[in-house]
Amino acid sequence: MGHLDILPENGLLHLFIQHTSAGLTINENADPSVLSDFVTFFERLAPEHLPGITHTQEGPDDMPAHIKASLVGTSITVPITKGRLNLGIWQGIYLCEFRNRGGARRLVATIYS
C-alpha cells in the first residue's frame, strides 16, 4: 500500500478492506491487553471447529473468520482536522486478521475534502 503524503486541512479518510475474513476497527491502542482481550473474546465467540459449521473447504479457521469479520466490519471513517487524523487520545486503527495465515490484504483509502 502506498502512503498518504499530505492530508487536506479538513475532511474525511475512509478505509475499506477488500476481504471477507479480515476487518477494520478503531479501539484503544495504549494498553496491549486490549488486543489480547479482543483475541480471547473472538476465539470464544467463534472458535475453530465450531459445531454445525458446514463451510470448511478452506480449513477450520475460515468460517469463524468470516463471522468475526462481519461483526467487526470492513470499513472505518476518520475525520481529518488541521491536516491530521482526528482520533481520540487512546484510539488506534486496527486491521483485524481473523485467518491463521491470511496472506496479503488490500485496503482502499479514499480522502474526502
C-alpha atoms as a PDB file:
ATOM      1  CA  MET A   1       0.000   0.000   0.000  1.00  0.00           C
ATOM      2  CA  GLY A   2       1.221   3.461  -0.794  1.00  0.00           C
ATOM      3  CA  HIS A   3       1.418   6.173   1.811  1.00  0.00           C
ATOM      4  CA  LEU A   4      -0.509   9.385   2.215  1.00  0.00           C
ATOM      5  CA  ASP A   5       1.858  12.307   1.644  1.00  0.00           C
ATOM      6  CA  ILE A   6      -0.426  15.141   2.649  1.00  0.00           C
ATOM      7  CA  LEU A   7      -3.859  15.159   4.201  1.00  0.00           C
ATOM      8  CA  PRO A   8      -6.224  18.039   3.454  1.00  0.00           C
ATOM      9  CA  GLU A   9      -6.744  20.661   6.139  1.00  0.00           C
ATOM     10  CA  ASN A  10     -10.233  19.264   6.838  1.00  0.00           C
ATOM     11  CA  GLY A  11     -12.092  16.252   5.512  1.00  0.00           C
ATOM     12  CA  LEU A  12     -12.592  12.532   5.982  1.00  0.00           C
ATOM     13  CA  LEU A  13     -10.441   9.456   5.490  1.00  0.00           C
ATOM     14  CA  HIS A  14     -12.422   6.363   4.594  1.00  0.00           C
ATOM     15  CA  LEU A  15     -10.637   2.983   4.758  1.00  0.00           C
ATOM     16  CA  PHE A  16     -12.138  -0.181   3.265  1.00  0.00           C
ATOM     17  CA  ILE A  17     -10.644  -3.685   3.311  1.00  0.00           C
ATOM     18  CA  GLN A  18     -11.346  -5.833   0.246  1.00  0.00           C
ATOM     19  CA  HIS A  19     -11.617  -9.154   2.062  1.00  0.00           C
ATOM     20  CA  THR A  20     -14.238 -11.228   3.874  1.00  0.00           C
ATOM     21  CA  SER A  21     -12.088 -12.744   6.618  1.00  0.00           C
ATOM     22  CA  ALA A  22     -10.418  -9.583   7.952  1.00  0.00           C
ATOM     23  CA  GLY A  23     -11.851  -6.351   9.272  1.00  0.00           C
ATOM     24  CA  LEU A  24     -11.136  -2.793  10.372  1.00  0.00           C
ATOM     25  CA  THR A  25     -11.990  -1.139  13.655  1.00  0.00           C
ATOM     26  CA  ILE A  26     -10.976   1.719  15.922  1.00  0.00           C
ATOM     27  CA  ASN A  27     -10.264   0.973  19.554  1.00  0.00           C
ATOM     28  CA  GLU A  28      -7.869   1.658  22.410  1.00  0.00           C
ATOM     29  CA  ASN A  29      -4.230   1.241  21.461  1.00  0.00           C
ATOM     30  CA  ALA A  30      -2.450   2.364  24.638  1.00  0.00           C
ATOM     31  CA  ASP A  31      -2.732  -0.869  26.626  1.00  0.00           C
ATOM     32  CA  PRO A  32      -1.588  -4.104  24.919  1.00  0.00           C
ATOM     33  CA  SER A  33      -4.066  -6.124  26.993  1.00  0.00           C
ATOM     34  CA  VAL A  34      -6.881  -4.671  24.854  1.00  0.00           C
ATOM     35  CA  LEU A  35      -5.587  -6.599  21.838  1.00  0.00           C
ATOM     36  CA  SER A  36      -5.184  -9.843  23.784  1.00  0.00           C
ATOM     37  CA  ASP A  37      -8.686  -9.428  25.247  1.00  0.00           C
ATOM     38  CA  PHE A  38     -10.073  -8.966  21.718  1.00  0.00           C
ATOM     39  CA  VAL A  39      -8.397 -12.210  20.650  1.00  0.00           C
ATOM     40  CA  THR A  40      -9.752 -14.059  23.707  1.00  0.00           C
ATOM     41  CA  PHE A  41     -13.290 -12.761  23.135  1.00  0.00           C
ATOM     42  CA  PHE A  42     -13.410 -13.607  19.432  1.00  0.00           C
ATOM     43  CA  GLU A  43     -11.906 -17.068  19.958  1.00  0.00           C
ATOM     44  CA  ARG A  44     -14.670 -17.832  22.460  1.00  0.00           C
ATOM     45  CA  LEU A  45     -17.369 -16.303  20.265  1.00  0.00           C
ATOM     46  CA  ALA A  46     -16.458 -18.172  17.058  1.00  0.00           C
ATOM     47  CA  PRO A  47     -13.824 -20.849  17.723  1.00  0.00           C
ATOM     48  CA  GLU A  48     -12.294 -23.115  15.107  1.00  0.00           C
ATOM     49  CA  HIS A  49     -14.125 -26.449  14.740  1.00  0.00           C
ATOM     50  CA  LEU A  50     -17.397 -24.765  15.730  1.00  0.00           C
ATOM     51  CA  PRO A  51     -20.118 -27.448  15.781  1.00  0.00           C
ATOM     52  CA  GLY A  52     -22.621 -27.181  12.938  1.00  0.00           C
ATOM     53  CA  ILE A  53     -20.386 -25.165  10.592  1.00  0.00           C
ATOM     54  CA  THR A  54     -20.519 -26.522   7.036  1.00  0.00           C
ATOM     55  CA  HIS A  55     -18.276 -24.046   5.156  1.00  0.00           C
ATOM     56  CA  THR A  56     -14.968 -25.802   5.869  1.00  0.00           C
ATOM     57  CA  GLN A  57     -13.306 -26.266   2.438  1.00  0.00           C
ATOM     58  CA  GLU A  58     -10.591 -23.703   3.244  1.00  0.00           C
ATOM     59  CA  GLY A  59      -9.892 -25.001   6.742  1.00  0.00           C
ATOM     60  CA  PRO A  60     -11.402 -24.838  10.216  1.00  0.00           C
ATOM     61  CA  ASP A  61     -10.457 -21.175  10.675  1.00  0.00           C
ATOM     62  CA  ASP A  62     -12.250 -19.936   7.530  1.00  0.00           C
ATOM     63  CA  MET A  63     -15.906 -19.686   8.539  1.00  0.00           C
ATOM     64  CA  PRO A  64     -15.117 -18.395  12.041  1.00  0.00           C
ATOM     65  CA  ALA A  65     -13.002 -15.715  10.306  1.00  0.00           C
ATOM     66  CA  HIS A  66     -15.974 -14.701   8.131  1.00  0.00           C
ATOM     67  CA  ILE A  67     -18.203 -14.427  11.214  1.00  0.00           C
ATOM     68  CA  LYS A  68     -15.656 -12.314  13.115  1.00  0.00           C
ATOM     69  CA  ALA A  69     -15.045 -10.043  10.115  1.00  0.00           C
ATOM     70  CA  SER A  70     -18.793  -9.483   9.711  1.00  0.00           C
ATOM     71  CA  LEU A  71     -19.047  -8.405  13.346  1.00  0.00           C
ATOM     72  CA  VAL A  72     -16.058  -6.042  13.174  1.00  0.00           C
ATOM     73  CA  GLY A  73     -16.878  -4.596   9.746  1.00  0.00           C
ATOM     74  CA  THR A  74     -14.991  -3.798   6.567  1.00  0.00           C
ATOM     75  CA  SER A  75     -14.602  -0.029   6.802  1.00  0.00           C
ATOM     76  CA  ILE A  76     -13.958   2.934   9.065  1.00  0.00           C
ATOM     77  CA  THR A  77     -14.162   6.683   8.573  1.00  0.00           C
ATOM     78  CA  VAL A  78     -11.913   9.099  10.455  1.00  0.00           C
ATOM     79  CA  PRO A  79     -12.272  12.891  10.455  1.00  0.00           C
ATOM     80  CA  ILE A  80      -9.327  14.967   9.286  1.00  0.00           C
ATOM     81  CA  THR A  81      -8.840  18.197  11.225  1.00  0.00           C
ATOM     82  CA  LYS A  82      -5.970  20.645  10.739  1.00  0.00           C
ATOM     83  CA  GLY A  83      -4.243  18.184   8.398  1.00  0.00           C
ATOM     84  CA  ARG A  84      -4.204  15.284  10.886  1.00  0.00           C
ATOM     85  CA  LEU A  85      -6.360  12.264  11.639  1.00  0.00           C
ATOM     86  CA  ASN A  86      -8.669  13.366  14.437  1.00  0.00           C
ATOM     87  CA  LEU A  87      -8.519  10.223  16.557  1.00  0.00           C
ATOM     88  CA  GLY A  88      -9.070  10.262  20.300  1.00  0.00           C
ATOM     89  CA  ILE A  89      -6.001  10.211  22.514  1.00  0.00           C
ATOM     90  CA  TRP A  90      -6.274   6.454  23.174  1.00  0.00           C
ATOM     91  CA  GLN A  91      -7.644   5.450  19.768  1.00  0.00           C
ATOM     92  CA  GLY A  92      -5.826   3.490  17.100  1.00  0.00           C
ATOM     93  CA  ILE A  93      -6.805   1.838  13.837  1.00  0.00           C
ATOM     94  CA  TYR A  94      -6.737  -1.956  13.873  1.00  0.00           C
ATOM     95  CA  LEU A  95      -6.591  -4.223  10.844  1.00  0.00           C
ATOM     96  CA  CYS A  96      -8.002  -7.442  12.312  1.00  0.00           C
ATOM     97  CA  GLU A  97      -6.747 -10.584  10.584  1.00  0.00           C
ATOM     98  CA  PHE A  98      -9.011 -13.480  11.510  1.00  0.00           C
ATOM     99  CA  ARG A  99      -7.378 -16.248   9.441  1.00  0.00           C
ATOM    100  CA  ASN A 100      -4.434 -18.181  10.877  1.00  0.00           C
ATOM    101  CA  ARG A 101      -2.467 -17.368   7.706  1.00  0.00           C
ATOM    102  CA  GLY A 102      -4.390 -14.645   5.905  1.00  0.00           C
ATOM    103  CA  GLY A 103      -1.827 -13.544   3.362  1.00  0.00           C
ATOM    104  CA  ALA A 104      -1.683 -10.138   1.700  1.00  0.00           C
ATOM    105  CA  ARG A 105      -4.600  -7.782   2.255  1.00  0.00           C
ATOM    106  CA  ARG A 106      -5.722  -4.843   0.120  1.00  0.00           C
ATOM    107  CA  LEU A 107      -7.026  -1.597   1.556  1.00  0.00           C
ATOM    108  CA  VAL A 108      -8.782   1.170  -0.332  1.00  0.00           C
ATOM    109  CA  ALA A 109      -8.163   4.630   1.133  1.00  0.00           C
ATOM    110  CA  THR A 110     -10.452   7.448  -0.003  1.00  0.00           C
ATOM    111  CA  ILE A 111      -9.962  11.026   1.142  1.00  0.00           C
ATOM    112  CA  TYR A 112     -12.861  13.473   1.014  1.00  0.00           C
ATOM    113  CA  SER A 113     -12.036  17.147   1.347  1.00  0.00           C
END
